[in-house]
Amino acid sequence: MYDGGLVAHGIDTTRPSVARVYDYFLGGKDNYESDRQLYQQIMKIAPEAPEWARANRRWLSQVITWLAGDVGVRRFIDAGSGLPTAENTHQIAQKANSSASVVYIDNDPSVVAHGRALLVDNDRTQFTAADLTKPDEVLADPAVAELLAGGEPVALVMALMLHHISDYEQTRAIAQTYVDALPPGSYLAITHACKPGDGGPVDELVTELAEKVRSAFPTLAFRSVAEISSLFGGLEILEPGVVRLADWHVPDGRVEDDPPTGVRDVIFGGVARKS
């Protein structure tokens, strides 16, 4: 990778990237000095941040495995997929169900470059470079349209994506457009940064964190549990509801991994089903 203000493959190395900072939390190497500087700023406020990223990956693995294996979903859309990591959605899904097909969607230049290279040898997986805040354009993309065609249930994953849209009503409208496009029997999985609103330690942490990263990520929005729940567009939210990722488990009650302890987790998640 290049450093020091160079632009490689359309990638501006002078500005931190959400995807690259998140990847750095997971121990990835696809980052630049601007990303590492922001990482250090975040770590001064919230040294738990890498654990939040790892918790999100654990949650994603648990949800995808359950949907592909136990539920039998064969079609997945990973919206805002981020940089390739140790186990990606298509690898998790296809391990549980060899017939699973996945479409990744992202418009970060770093993600586009690495994502397409990763998927070149997988004929059941495609990558679409698109702006998720423009759902009509995303849904018209041939790869996405083909996956949604035929009425078979689809699992739409929006992990750590919707909180990067600052306007709440716009976020709801975007999410609703995607929900409306899902066939009956489909699933929507969301993780989102949460501000409990109770004035406690997590509330104080979130306030400080939001102010510190505002210049780099001006659209980042921490929302209440009620606001996050509303992003499911009226779908039936499955048990245990919208909860801390450490408290989430598959709806039949099985807990597949010991949840992390001692972490002030500000990432909440949930899964809903479309009747």
Protein backbone atom coordinates (compact mmCIF):
# COMPACT_ATOMS: atom_id res chain seq x y z
CA MET A 1 0.00 0.00 0.00
CA TYR A 2 1.03 3.63 -0.46
CA ASP A 3 1.30 6.33 2.14
CA GLY A 4 1.84 10.09 2.28
CA GLY A 5 -0.94 11.55 0.16
CA LEU A 6 -0.57 9.33 -2.89
CA VAL A 7 -3.67 8.08 -4.64
CA ALA A 8 -3.61 4.43 -5.67
CA HIS A 9 -6.40 2.99 -7.83
CA GLY A 10 -8.59 6.03 -7.16
CA ILE A 11 -8.06 5.78 -3.40
CA ASP A 12 -7.43 9.07 -1.57
CA THR A 13 -4.90 8.12 1.10
CA THR A 14 -5.06 11.51 2.83
CA ARG A 15 -8.61 10.99 4.13
CA PRO A 16 -9.53 8.22 6.56
CA SER A 17 -11.96 5.59 5.32
CA VAL A 18 -14.67 3.96 7.45
CA ALA A 19 -13.91 0.60 5.86
CA ARG A 20 -10.15 0.85 6.37
CA VAL A 21 -10.38 2.00 10.00
CA TYR A 22 -12.81 -0.84 10.73
CA ASP A 23 -10.42 -3.26 9.01
CA TYR A 24 -7.57 -1.91 11.18
CA PHE A 25 -9.64 -2.67 14.29
CA LEU A 26 -9.78 -6.27 13.05
CA GLY A 27 -6.02 -6.42 12.55
CA GLY A 28 -6.08 -5.79 8.79
CA LYS A 29 -3.21 -4.30 6.83
CA ASP A 30 -5.07 -2.37 4.12
CA ASN A 31 -4.78 1.08 5.70
CA TYR A 32 -2.91 4.37 5.41
CA GLU A 33 -1.44 6.95 7.80
CA SER A 34 -4.71 8.93 7.84
CA ASP A 35 -6.58 5.80 8.96
CA ARG A 36 -4.01 5.01 11.65
CA GLN A 37 -4.17 8.56 13.02
CA LEU A 38 -7.94 8.35 13.40
CA TYR A 39 -7.58 4.91 14.94
CA GLN A 40 -5.29 6.34 17.61
CA GLN A 41 -7.76 9.16 18.33
CA ILE A 42 -10.58 6.67 18.79
CA MET A 43 -8.47 4.39 20.97
CA LYS A 44 -7.76 7.26 23.39
CA ILE A 45 -11.50 7.66 23.96
CA ALA A 46 -12.74 4.10 23.50
CA PRO A 47 -10.06 1.42 23.86
CA GLU A 48 -12.90 -1.10 23.55
CA ALA A 49 -13.41 -0.17 19.88
CA PRO A 50 -11.50 -3.17 18.42
CA GLU A 51 -13.67 -5.46 20.54
CA TRP A 52 -16.77 -3.77 19.08
CA ALA A 53 -15.47 -4.61 15.60
CA ARG A 54 -14.74 -8.21 16.56
CA ALA A 55 -18.16 -8.52 18.20
CA ASN A 56 -19.74 -7.35 14.95
CA ARG A 57 -17.85 -10.04 13.02
CA ARG A 58 -18.89 -12.72 15.53
CA TRP A 59 -22.50 -11.57 15.23
CA LEU A 60 -22.32 -11.62 11.43
CA SER A 61 -20.91 -15.15 11.42
CA GLN A 62 -23.61 -16.35 13.83
CA VAL A 63 -26.46 -14.76 11.89
CA ILE A 64 -25.29 -15.88 8.43
CA THR A 65 -24.61 -19.43 9.64
CA TRP A 66 -28.08 -19.65 11.18
CA LEU A 67 -29.85 -18.20 8.13
CA ALA A 68 -27.98 -20.32 5.58
CA GLY A 69 -27.92 -23.50 7.63
CA ASP A 70 -30.94 -23.74 9.93
CA VAL A 71 -33.34 -21.48 8.02
CA GLY A 72 -32.18 -22.53 4.55
CA VAL A 73 -31.79 -19.08 2.98
CA ARG A 74 -29.79 -19.33 -0.26
CA ARG A 75 -29.66 -15.70 -1.37
CA PHE A 76 -27.78 -12.98 0.50
CA ILE A 77 -27.13 -9.29 -0.05
CA ASP A 78 -24.34 -7.79 2.05
CA ALA A 79 -24.96 -4.04 1.87
CA GLY A 80 -21.93 -1.99 2.92
CA SER A 81 -19.74 -5.06 3.05
CA GLY A 82 -16.43 -3.41 3.94
CA LEU A 83 -12.95 -4.76 3.21
CA PRO A 84 -12.44 -8.53 2.88
CA THR A 85 -11.44 -10.10 6.18
CA ALA A 86 -10.75 -13.58 7.60
CA GLU A 87 -14.27 -14.94 6.99
CA ASN A 88 -16.55 -13.06 4.63
CA THR A 89 -20.30 -13.43 4.13
CA HIS A 90 -20.03 -15.72 1.10
CA GLN A 91 -17.55 -17.99 2.85
CA ILE A 92 -19.74 -18.26 5.95
CA ALA A 93 -22.94 -18.79 3.94
CA GLN A 94 -21.44 -21.30 1.52
CA LYS A 95 -19.91 -23.28 4.37
CA ALA A 96 -23.40 -23.74 5.82
CA ASN A 97 -25.15 -24.07 2.44
CA SER A 98 -23.07 -24.78 -0.66
CA SER A 99 -25.81 -23.41 -2.95
CA ALA A 100 -25.80 -19.96 -1.33
CA SER A 101 -25.35 -16.93 -3.60
CA VAL A 102 -24.11 -13.55 -2.34
CA VAL A 103 -24.07 -10.05 -3.80
CA TYR A 104 -21.80 -7.54 -2.04
CA ILE A 105 -22.54 -3.82 -2.35
CA ASP A 106 -20.17 -0.99 -1.45
CA ASN A 107 -18.81 2.19 -3.06
CA ASP A 108 -15.64 2.74 -1.05
CA PRO A 109 -12.78 2.58 -3.62
CA SER A 110 -10.66 0.46 -1.26
CA VAL A 111 -13.48 -2.06 -0.86
CA VAL A 112 -14.27 -2.15 -4.58
CA ALA A 113 -10.64 -2.89 -5.52
CA HIS A 114 -10.08 -5.61 -2.95
CA GLY A 115 -13.59 -7.07 -3.09
CA ARG A 116 -13.55 -7.73 -6.81
CA ALA A 117 -10.11 -9.32 -6.60
CA LEU A 118 -11.30 -11.64 -3.81
CA LEU A 119 -14.36 -12.85 -5.70
CA VAL A 120 -12.84 -13.46 -9.12
CA ASP A 121 -12.87 -17.26 -8.66
CA ASN A 122 -16.28 -17.62 -6.98
CA ASP A 123 -19.09 -17.97 -9.51
CA ARG A 124 -21.86 -17.73 -6.88
CA THR A 125 -20.69 -14.38 -5.59
CA GLN A 126 -20.74 -10.94 -7.20
CA PHE A 127 -19.63 -7.43 -6.20
CA THR A 128 -21.63 -4.32 -7.10
CA ALA A 129 -20.05 -0.86 -6.77
CA ALA A 130 -23.02 1.28 -5.80
CA ASP A 131 -24.15 4.01 -3.39
CA LEU A 132 -26.41 2.41 -0.79
CA THR A 133 -28.08 5.75 -0.07
CA LYS A 134 -29.61 5.52 -3.56
CA PRO A 135 -31.68 2.35 -3.18
CA ASP A 136 -33.54 2.68 -6.49
CA GLU A 137 -30.22 2.59 -8.35
CA VAL A 138 -28.96 -0.30 -6.22
CA LEU A 139 -32.12 -2.34 -6.76
CA ALA A 140 -31.91 -1.73 -10.52
CA ASP A 141 -28.40 -3.17 -10.67
CA PRO A 142 -28.50 -6.42 -12.71
CA ALA A 143 -26.82 -8.55 -10.04
CA VAL A 144 -29.15 -7.32 -7.29
CA ALA A 145 -32.25 -7.50 -9.49
CA GLU A 146 -31.43 -11.08 -10.48
CA LEU A 147 -30.97 -12.13 -6.86
CA LEU A 148 -34.35 -10.63 -5.92
CA ALA A 149 -36.14 -12.08 -8.94
CA GLY A 150 -38.29 -15.18 -8.62
CA GLY A 151 -39.62 -14.54 -5.14
CA GLU A 152 -37.19 -16.71 -3.20
CA PRO A 153 -36.42 -15.39 0.31
CA VAL A 154 -33.37 -13.14 0.54
CA ALA A 155 -31.31 -12.19 3.58
CA LEU A 156 -30.30 -8.52 3.48
CA VAL A 157 -27.43 -7.63 5.82
CA MET A 158 -26.83 -3.98 6.77
CA ALA A 159 -24.02 -4.24 9.30
CA LEU A 160 -22.60 -0.95 10.63
CA MET A 161 -23.94 0.86 7.58
CA LEU A 162 -27.11 2.82 8.39
CA HIS A 163 -25.49 4.84 11.17
CA HIS A 164 -23.38 6.58 8.53
CA ILE A 165 -26.49 8.37 7.25
CA SER A 166 -27.00 11.35 9.53
CA ASP A 167 -30.63 12.26 8.77
CA TYR A 168 -32.96 9.94 10.66
CA GLU A 169 -35.98 10.28 8.36
CA GLN A 170 -33.80 9.78 5.30
CA THR A 171 -32.33 6.67 6.90
CA ARG A 172 -35.80 5.27 7.58
CA ALA A 173 -36.89 5.98 4.01
CA ILE A 174 -33.81 4.28 2.57
CA ALA A 175 -34.26 1.21 4.77
CA GLN A 176 -37.98 1.05 3.92
CA THR A 177 -37.24 1.03 0.17
CA TYR A 178 -35.02 -2.00 0.63
CA VAL A 179 -37.57 -3.71 2.88
CA ASP A 180 -40.32 -3.18 0.31
CA ALA A 181 -38.18 -4.83 -2.37
CA LEU A 182 -37.60 -8.02 -0.36
CA PRO A 183 -39.74 -11.06 -1.26
CA PRO A 184 -42.00 -12.58 1.42
CA GLY A 185 -40.10 -14.80 3.83
CA SER A 186 -36.97 -12.67 3.58
CA TYR A 187 -34.82 -11.51 6.49
CA LEU A 188 -33.23 -8.16 7.37
CA ALA A 189 -30.21 -8.08 9.72
CA ILE A 190 -28.94 -4.75 11.08
CA THR A 191 -26.17 -3.65 13.41
CA HIS A 192 -25.98 0.00 14.41
CA ALA A 193 -24.18 2.32 16.83
CA CYS A 194 -26.45 3.04 19.80
CA LYS A 195 -26.79 5.95 22.22
CA PRO A 196 -28.90 4.64 25.12
CA GLY A 197 -30.05 8.13 26.17
CA ASP A 198 -29.93 7.33 29.87
CA GLY A 199 -27.12 9.69 30.83
CA GLY A 200 -24.93 6.80 31.95
CA PRO A 201 -21.29 5.95 31.17
CA VAL A 202 -22.04 4.65 27.68
CA ASP A 203 -23.99 7.81 26.88
CA GLU A 204 -21.01 9.91 27.96
CA LEU A 205 -18.61 7.74 25.96
CA VAL A 206 -20.74 8.02 22.82
CA THR A 207 -20.99 11.80 23.14
CA GLU A 208 -17.22 12.15 23.46
CA LEU A 209 -16.54 9.68 20.66
CA ALA A 210 -18.98 11.36 18.26
CA GLU A 211 -17.38 14.76 18.82
CA LYS A 212 -13.86 13.43 18.37
CA VAL A 213 -14.52 11.72 15.01
CA ARG A 214 -16.96 14.30 13.63
CA SER A 215 -14.40 15.96 11.36
CA ALA A 216 -13.52 12.62 9.73
CA PHE A 217 -17.01 11.10 9.74
CA PRO A 218 -19.47 14.02 9.86
CA THR A 219 -22.51 11.86 9.06
CA LEU A 220 -22.02 9.31 11.86
CA ALA A 221 -25.22 9.04 13.92
CA PHE A 222 -25.68 7.15 17.20
CA ARG A 223 -29.37 6.28 17.66
CA SER A 224 -31.63 4.96 20.41
CA VAL A 225 -32.89 1.38 20.50
CA ALA A 226 -36.34 2.61 19.45
CA GLU A 227 -34.90 4.48 16.48
CA ILE A 228 -32.81 1.47 15.42
CA SER A 229 -35.86 -0.78 15.75
CA SER A 230 -37.83 1.53 13.45
CA LEU A 231 -35.29 0.93 10.67
CA PHE A 232 -36.69 -2.58 10.23
CA GLY A 233 -39.68 -0.98 8.50
CA GLY A 234 -42.42 -2.65 10.52
CA LEU A 235 -41.09 -6.18 10.00
CA GLU A 236 -41.38 -8.74 12.77
CA ILE A 237 -38.21 -8.39 14.84
CA LEU A 238 -37.20 -11.83 16.08
CA GLU A 239 -36.15 -12.63 19.64
CA PRO A 240 -34.20 -11.40 21.52
CA GLY A 241 -34.99 -8.09 19.76
CA VAL A 242 -32.61 -5.19 19.16
CA VAL A 243 -29.95 -5.74 21.81
CA ARG A 244 -26.22 -5.41 22.47
CA LEU A 245 -24.38 -7.78 20.17
CA ALA A 246 -23.07 -9.65 23.21
CA ASP A 247 -26.69 -10.38 24.19
CA TRP A 248 -27.93 -11.48 20.76
CA HIS A 249 -28.57 -15.15 20.06
CA VAL A 250 -30.37 -17.15 17.40
CA PRO A 251 -34.16 -16.98 17.91
CA ASP A 252 -34.47 -20.58 19.21
CA GLY A 253 -32.40 -19.55 22.22
CA ARG A 254 -29.13 -21.33 21.41
CA VAL A 255 -26.05 -19.34 22.36
CA GLU A 256 -23.23 -20.49 20.07
CA ASP A 257 -20.34 -18.58 21.66
CA ASP A 258 -19.68 -17.19 25.09
CA PRO A 259 -20.48 -13.47 24.83
CA PRO A 260 -17.67 -11.02 25.63
CA THR A 261 -17.79 -9.58 29.13
CA GLY A 262 -16.62 -6.32 30.60
CA VAL A 263 -17.06 -4.40 27.35
CA ARG A 264 -19.16 -1.23 27.19
CA ASP A 265 -20.65 -2.27 23.89
CA VAL A 266 -22.31 0.53 21.93
CA ILE A 267 -23.15 -1.65 18.91
CA PHE A 268 -26.67 -3.10 18.90
CA GLY A 269 -28.17 -5.55 16.44
CA GLY A 270 -31.27 -7.46 15.48
CA VAL A 271 -32.87 -9.66 12.82
CA ALA A 272 -36.40 -9.35 11.39
CA ARG A 273 -38.50 -11.48 9.07
CA LYS A 274 -40.84 -10.32 6.32
CA SER A 275 -44.16 -12.19 6.34
